[in-house]
Amino acid sequence: MKKLKLLTDLEESYTELRYKTSWPTKSQLIKSAIIVLIASVIIALVIFLMDQIVDKVMNLIYSLHS
């Protein structure tokens, strides 16, 4: 009896993840997570500052037309 394609795909995926994939060490994983965290905070700060600047400019424009 022929196996279902789904089962074959699952077996191949498992084999590839188990034997062919190189996983990072704990140290590499922690370093990468810290880099992502720092980058996320920097991007959030940049977006916050841009939002504040646009808010001030828009308030200035609206206050001049009132």
PDB file of N, CA and C in Angstrom:
ATOM      1  N   MET A   1       0.839  -1.180   0.000  1.00  0.00           N
ATOM      2  CA  MET A   1       0.000   0.000   0.000  1.00  0.00           C
ATOM      3  C   MET A   1       0.887   1.248   0.000  1.00  0.00           C
ATOM      4  N   LYS A   2       0.512   2.175  -0.810  1.00  0.00           N
ATOM      5  CA  LYS A   2       1.302   3.395  -0.963  1.00  0.00           C
ATOM      6  C   LYS A   2       1.028   4.350   0.203  1.00  0.00           C
ATOM      7  N   LYS A   3       2.118   4.943   0.748  1.00  0.00           N
ATOM      8  CA  LYS A   3       1.964   5.901   1.848  1.00  0.00           C
ATOM      9  C   LYS A   3       1.317   7.179   1.344  1.00  0.00           C
ATOM     10  N   LEU A   4       0.625   7.805   2.238  1.00  0.00           N
ATOM     11  CA  LEU A   4       0.060   9.103   1.902  1.00  0.00           C
ATOM     12  C   LEU A   4       1.184  10.113   1.723  1.00  0.00           C
ATOM     13  N   LYS A   5       1.010  11.033   0.789  1.00  0.00           N
ATOM     14  CA  LYS A   5       2.034  12.039   0.537  1.00  0.00           C
ATOM     15  C   LYS A   5       2.299  12.876   1.781  1.00  0.00           C
ATOM     16  N   LEU A   6       1.266  13.149   2.547  1.00  0.00           N
ATOM     17  CA  LEU A   6       1.426  13.947   3.762  1.00  0.00           C
ATOM     18  C   LEU A   6       2.366  13.258   4.748  1.00  0.00           C
ATOM     19  N   LEU A   7       2.198  11.946   4.938  1.00  0.00           N
ATOM     20  CA  LEU A   7       3.074  11.214   5.850  1.00  0.00           C
ATOM     21  C   LEU A   7       4.508  11.200   5.358  1.00  0.00           C
ATOM     22  N   THR A   8       4.685  11.034   4.067  1.00  0.00           N
ATOM     23  CA  THR A   8       6.024  11.059   3.483  1.00  0.00           C
ATOM     24  C   THR A   8       6.667  12.426   3.686  1.00  0.00           C
ATOM     25  N   ASP A   9       5.907  13.484   3.444  1.00  0.00           N
ATOM     26  CA  ASP A   9       6.426  14.841   3.641  1.00  0.00           C
ATOM     27  C   ASP A   9       6.805  15.086   5.095  1.00  0.00           C
ATOM     28  N   LEU A  10       5.973  14.620   6.025  1.00  0.00           N
ATOM     29  CA  LEU A  10       6.276  14.780   7.449  1.00  0.00           C
ATOM     30  C   LEU A  10       7.544  14.034   7.842  1.00  0.00           C
ATOM     31  N   GLU A  11       7.707  12.836   7.350  1.00  0.00           N
ATOM     32  CA  GLU A  11       8.908  12.058   7.648  1.00  0.00           C
ATOM     33  C   GLU A  11      10.149  12.739   7.089  1.00  0.00           C
ATOM     34  N   GLU A  12      10.058  13.251   5.858  1.00  0.00           N
ATOM     35  CA  GLU A  12      11.197  13.935   5.248  1.00  0.00           C
ATOM     36  C   GLU A  12      11.537  15.221   6.005  1.00  0.00           C
ATOM     37  N   SER A  13      10.511  15.939   6.440  1.00  0.00           N
ATOM     38  CA  SER A  13      10.746  17.164   7.206  1.00  0.00           C
ATOM     39  C   SER A  13      11.430  16.853   8.525  1.00  0.00           C
ATOM     40  N   TYR A  14      10.962  15.819   9.202  1.00  0.00           N
ATOM     41  CA  TYR A  14      11.569  15.422  10.472  1.00  0.00           C
ATOM     42  C   TYR A  14      13.035  15.026  10.268  1.00  0.00           C
ATOM     43  N   THR A  15      13.284  14.237   9.253  1.00  0.00           N
ATOM     44  CA  THR A  15      14.647  13.789   8.975  1.00  0.00           C
ATOM     45  C   THR A  15      15.561  14.980   8.690  1.00  0.00           C
ATOM     46  N   GLU A  16      15.071  15.916   7.914  1.00  0.00           N
ATOM     47  CA  GLU A  16      15.888  17.085   7.587  1.00  0.00           C
ATOM     48  C   GLU A  16      16.150  17.933   8.835  1.00  0.00           C
ATOM     49  N   LEU A  17      15.121  18.147   9.650  1.00  0.00           N
ATOM     50  CA  LEU A  17      15.310  18.940  10.871  1.00  0.00           C
ATOM     51  C   LEU A  17      16.243  18.230  11.852  1.00  0.00           C
ATOM     52  N   ARG A  18      16.135  16.920  11.924  1.00  0.00           N
ATOM     53  CA  ARG A  18      16.909  16.153  12.914  1.00  0.00           C
ATOM     54  C   ARG A  18      18.367  15.990  12.503  1.00  0.00           C
ATOM     55  N   TYR A  19      18.621  15.718  11.225  1.00  0.00           N
ATOM     56  CA  TYR A  19      19.964  15.319  10.827  1.00  0.00           C
ATOM     57  C   TYR A  19      20.691  16.310   9.922  1.00  0.00           C
ATOM     58  N   LYS A  20      19.972  17.194   9.247  1.00  0.00           N
ATOM     59  CA  LYS A  20      20.633  18.073   8.283  1.00  0.00           C
ATOM     60  C   LYS A  20      20.682  19.534   8.705  1.00  0.00           C
ATOM     61  N   THR A  21      19.974  19.887   9.763  1.00  0.00           N
ATOM     62  CA  THR A  21      19.908  21.274  10.194  1.00  0.00           C
ATOM     63  C   THR A  21      20.959  21.506  11.275  1.00  0.00           C
ATOM     64  N   SER A  22      21.670  22.632  11.159  1.00  0.00           N
ATOM     65  CA  SER A  22      22.618  22.968  12.228  1.00  0.00           C
ATOM     66  C   SER A  22      21.944  23.956  13.165  1.00  0.00           C
ATOM     67  N   TRP A  23      21.844  23.572  14.426  1.00  0.00           N
ATOM     68  CA  TRP A  23      21.175  24.384  15.422  1.00  0.00           C
ATOM     69  C   TRP A  23      22.207  25.240  16.139  1.00  0.00           C
ATOM     70  N   PRO A  24      21.826  26.471  16.508  1.00  0.00           N
ATOM     71  CA  PRO A  24      22.787  27.324  17.228  1.00  0.00           C
ATOM     72  C   PRO A  24      23.018  26.813  18.652  1.00  0.00           C
ATOM     73  N   THR A  25      24.188  27.168  19.162  1.00  0.00           N
ATOM     74  CA  THR A  25      24.459  26.822  20.555  1.00  0.00           C
ATOM     75  C   THR A  25      23.681  27.780  21.452  1.00  0.00           C
ATOM     76  N   LYS A  26      23.635  27.465  22.743  1.00  0.00           N
ATOM     77  CA  LYS A  26      22.920  28.325  23.681  1.00  0.00           C
ATOM     78  C   LYS A  26      23.530  29.723  23.685  1.00  0.00           C
ATOM     79  N   SER A  27      24.842  29.801  23.633  1.00  0.00           N
ATOM     80  CA  SER A  27      25.535  31.090  23.629  1.00  0.00           C
ATOM     81  C   SER A  27      25.176  31.908  22.382  1.00  0.00           C
ATOM     82  N   GLN A  28      25.190  31.265  21.224  1.00  0.00           N
ATOM     83  CA  GLN A  28      24.827  31.955  19.980  1.00  0.00           C
ATOM     84  C   GLN A  28      23.380  32.430  20.021  1.00  0.00           C
ATOM     85  N   LEU A  29      22.503  31.605  20.573  1.00  0.00           N
ATOM     86  CA  LEU A  29      21.088  31.941  20.662  1.00  0.00           C
ATOM     87  C   LEU A  29      20.872  33.150  21.565  1.00  0.00           C
ATOM     88  N   ILE A  30      21.567  33.187  22.697  1.00  0.00           N
ATOM     89  CA  ILE A  30      21.445  34.315  23.622  1.00  0.00           C
ATOM     90  C   ILE A  30      21.967  35.592  22.971  1.00  0.00           C
ATOM     91  N   LYS A  31      23.118  35.512  22.304  1.00  0.00           N
ATOM     92  CA  LYS A  31      23.674  36.690  21.625  1.00  0.00           C
ATOM     93  C   LYS A  31      22.715  37.210  20.557  1.00  0.00           C
ATOM     94  N   SER A  32      22.151  36.313  19.776  1.00  0.00           N
ATOM     95  CA  SER A  32      21.205  36.718  18.734  1.00  0.00           C
ATOM     96  C   SER A  32      19.956  37.356  19.340  1.00  0.00           C
ATOM     97  N   ALA A  33      19.463  36.795  20.424  1.00  0.00           N
ATOM     98  CA  ALA A  33      18.267  37.337  21.076  1.00  0.00           C
ATOM     99  C   ALA A  33      18.540  38.741  21.614  1.00  0.00           C
ATOM    100  N   ILE A  34      19.731  38.949  22.182  1.00  0.00           N
ATOM    101  CA  ILE A  34      20.089  40.274  22.700  1.00  0.00           C
ATOM    102  C   ILE A  34      20.174  41.284  21.564  1.00  0.00           C
ATOM    103  N   ILE A  35      20.763  40.877  20.443  1.00  0.00           N
ATOM    104  CA  ILE A  35      20.863  41.771  19.282  1.00  0.00           C
ATOM    105  C   ILE A  35      19.471  42.159  18.785  1.00  0.00           C
ATOM    106  N   VAL A  36      18.580  41.184  18.704  1.00  0.00           N
ATOM    107  CA  VAL A  36      17.207  41.459  18.255  1.00  0.00           C
ATOM    108  C   VAL A  36      16.498  42.385  19.242  1.00  0.00           C
ATOM    109  N   LEU A  37      16.686  42.159  20.530  1.00  0.00           N
ATOM    110  CA  LEU A  37      16.079  43.007  21.549  1.00  0.00           C
ATOM    111  C   LEU A  37      16.569  44.445  21.433  1.00  0.00           C
ATOM    112  N   ILE A  38      17.877  44.631  21.306  1.00  0.00           N
ATOM    113  CA  ILE A  38      18.446  45.979  21.180  1.00  0.00           C
ATOM    114  C   ILE A  38      17.945  46.658  19.910  1.00  0.00           C
ATOM    115  N   ALA A  39      17.945  45.934  18.802  1.00  0.00           N
ATOM    116  CA  ALA A  39      17.458  46.509  17.542  1.00  0.00           C
ATOM    117  C   ALA A  39      15.987  46.896  17.652  1.00  0.00           C
ATOM    118  N   SER A  40      15.191  46.068  18.304  1.00  0.00           N
ATOM    119  CA  SER A  40      13.765  46.365  18.476  1.00  0.00           C
ATOM    120  C   SER A  40      13.557  47.625  19.302  1.00  0.00           C
ATOM    121  N   VAL A  41      14.331  47.777  20.375  1.00  0.00           N
ATOM    122  CA  VAL A  41      14.214  48.972  21.217  1.00  0.00           C
ATOM    123  C   VAL A  41      14.624  50.210  20.430  1.00  0.00           C
ATOM    124  N   ILE A  42      15.703  50.120  19.670  1.00  0.00           N
ATOM    125  CA  ILE A  42      16.158  51.266  18.873  1.00  0.00           C
ATOM    126  C   ILE A  42      15.102  51.659  17.847  1.00  0.00           C
ATOM    127  N   ILE A  43      14.549  50.686  17.148  1.00  0.00           N
ATOM    128  CA  ILE A  43      13.515  50.976  16.142  1.00  0.00           C
ATOM    129  C   ILE A  43      12.284  51.575  16.808  1.00  0.00           C
ATOM    130  N   ALA A  44      11.893  51.048  17.962  1.00  0.00           N
ATOM    131  CA  ALA A  44      10.734  51.596  18.681  1.00  0.00           C
ATOM    132  C   ALA A  44      10.993  53.043  19.090  1.00  0.00           C
ATOM    133  N   LEU A  45      12.202  53.348  19.536  1.00  0.00           N
ATOM    134  CA  LEU A  45      12.539  54.726  19.906  1.00  0.00           C
ATOM    135  C   LEU A  45      12.514  55.657  18.700  1.00  0.00           C
ATOM    136  N   VAL A  46      13.037  55.200  17.583  1.00  0.00           N
ATOM    137  CA  VAL A  46      13.022  56.018  16.365  1.00  0.00           C
ATOM    138  C   VAL A  46      11.586  56.309  15.947  1.00  0.00           C
ATOM    139  N   ILE A  47      10.738  55.293  15.956  1.00  0.00           N
ATOM    140  CA  ILE A  47       9.335  55.486  15.586  1.00  0.00           C
ATOM    141  C   ILE A  47       8.650  56.426  16.572  1.00  0.00           C
ATOM    142  N   PHE A  48       8.924  56.272  17.864  1.00  0.00           N
ATOM    143  CA  PHE A  48       8.342  57.149  18.880  1.00  0.00           C
ATOM    144  C   PHE A  48       8.768  58.601  18.638  1.00  0.00           C
ATOM    145  N   LEU A  49      10.055  58.816  18.382  1.00  0.00           N
ATOM    146  CA  LEU A  49      10.538  60.179  18.129  1.00  0.00           C
ATOM    147  C   LEU A  49       9.914  60.776  16.869  1.00  0.00           C
ATOM    148  N   MET A  50       9.813  59.979  15.821  1.00  0.00           N
ATOM    149  CA  MET A  50       9.173  60.465  14.590  1.00  0.00           C
ATOM    150  C   MET A  50       7.720  60.827  14.860  1.00  0.00           C
ATOM    151  N   ASP A  51       7.026  60.024  15.624  1.00  0.00           N
ATOM    152  CA  ASP A  51       5.628  60.291  15.962  1.00  0.00           C
ATOM    153  C   ASP A  51       5.502  61.592  16.756  1.00  0.00           C
ATOM    154  N   GLN A  52       6.398  61.795  17.705  1.00  0.00           N
ATOM    155  CA  GLN A  52       6.364  63.018  18.502  1.00  0.00           C
ATOM    156  C   GLN A  52       6.635  64.255  17.643  1.00  0.00           C
ATOM    157  N   ILE A  53       7.581  64.143  16.727  1.00  0.00           N
ATOM    158  CA  ILE A  53       7.897  65.269  15.839  1.00  0.00           C
ATOM    159  C   ILE A  53       6.709  65.601  14.948  1.00  0.00           C
ATOM    160  N   VAL A  54       6.104  64.575  14.346  1.00  0.00           N
ATOM    161  CA  VAL A  54       4.946  64.801  13.484  1.00  0.00           C
ATOM    162  C   VAL A  54       3.798  65.399  14.300  1.00  0.00           C
ATOM    163  N   ASP A  55       3.602  64.928  15.522  1.00  0.00           N
ATOM    164  CA  ASP A  55       2.551  65.452  16.387  1.00  0.00           C
ATOM    165  C   ASP A  55       2.779  66.939  16.663  1.00  0.00           C
ATOM    166  N   LYS A  56       4.005  67.313  16.980  1.00  0.00           N
ATOM    167  CA  LYS A  56       4.307  68.727  17.266  1.00  0.00           C
ATOM    168  C   LYS A  56       4.096  69.593  16.022  1.00  0.00           C
ATOM    169  N   VAL A  57       4.544  69.101  14.872  1.00  0.00           N
ATOM    170  CA  VAL A  57       4.377  69.857  13.623  1.00  0.00           C
ATOM    171  C   VAL A  57       2.896  70.021  13.300  1.00  0.00           C
ATOM    172  N   MET A  58       2.115  68.946  13.440  1.00  0.00           N
ATOM    173  CA  MET A  58       0.685  69.032  13.139  1.00  0.00           C
ATOM    174  C   MET A  58      -0.023  69.973  14.115  1.00  0.00           C
ATOM    175  N   ASN A  59       0.331  69.923  15.387  1.00  0.00           N
ATOM    176  CA  ASN A  59      -0.253  70.853  16.362  1.00  0.00           C
ATOM    177  C   ASN A  59       0.095  72.294  16.016  1.00  0.00           C
ATOM    178  N   LEU A  60       1.318  72.526  15.576  1.00  0.00           N
ATOM    179  CA  LEU A  60       1.728  73.865  15.166  1.00  0.00           C
ATOM    180  C   LEU A  60       0.924  74.331  13.953  1.00  0.00           C
ATOM    181  N   ILE A  61       0.758  73.470  12.984  1.00  0.00           N
ATOM    182  CA  ILE A  61       0.002  73.831  11.773  1.00  0.00           C
ATOM    183  C   ILE A  61      -1.458  74.121  12.130  1.00  0.00           C
ATOM    184  N   TYR A  62      -2.071  73.251  12.937  1.00  0.00           N
ATOM    185  CA  TYR A  62      -3.473  73.469  13.302  1.00  0.00           C
ATOM    186  C   TYR A  62      -3.664  74.716  14.171  1.00  0.00           C
ATOM    187  N   SER A  63      -2.690  75.030  15.019  1.00  0.00           N
ATOM    188  CA  SER A  63      -2.822  76.199  15.884  1.00  0.00           C
ATOM    189  C   SER A  63      -2.679  77.496  15.067  1.00  0.00           C
ATOM    190  N   LEU A  64      -1.957  77.466  13.954  1.00  0.00           N
ATOM    191  CA  LEU A  64      -1.803  78.641  13.105  1.00  0.00           C
ATOM    192  C   LEU A  64      -3.057  78.920  12.304  1.00  0.00           C
ATOM    193  N   HIS A  65      -3.818  77.882  11.967  1.00  0.00           N
ATOM    194  CA  HIS A  65      -5.034  78.052  11.172  1.00  0.00           C
ATOM    195  C   HIS A  65      -6.278  78.295  12.002  1.00  0.00           C
ATOM    196  N   SER A  66      -6.172  78.237  13.308  1.00  0.00           N
ATOM    197  CA  SER A  66      -7.359  78.427  14.162  1.00  0.00           C
ATOM    198  C   SER A  66      -7.649  79.876  14.398  1.00  0.00           C
TER     199      SER A  66
END
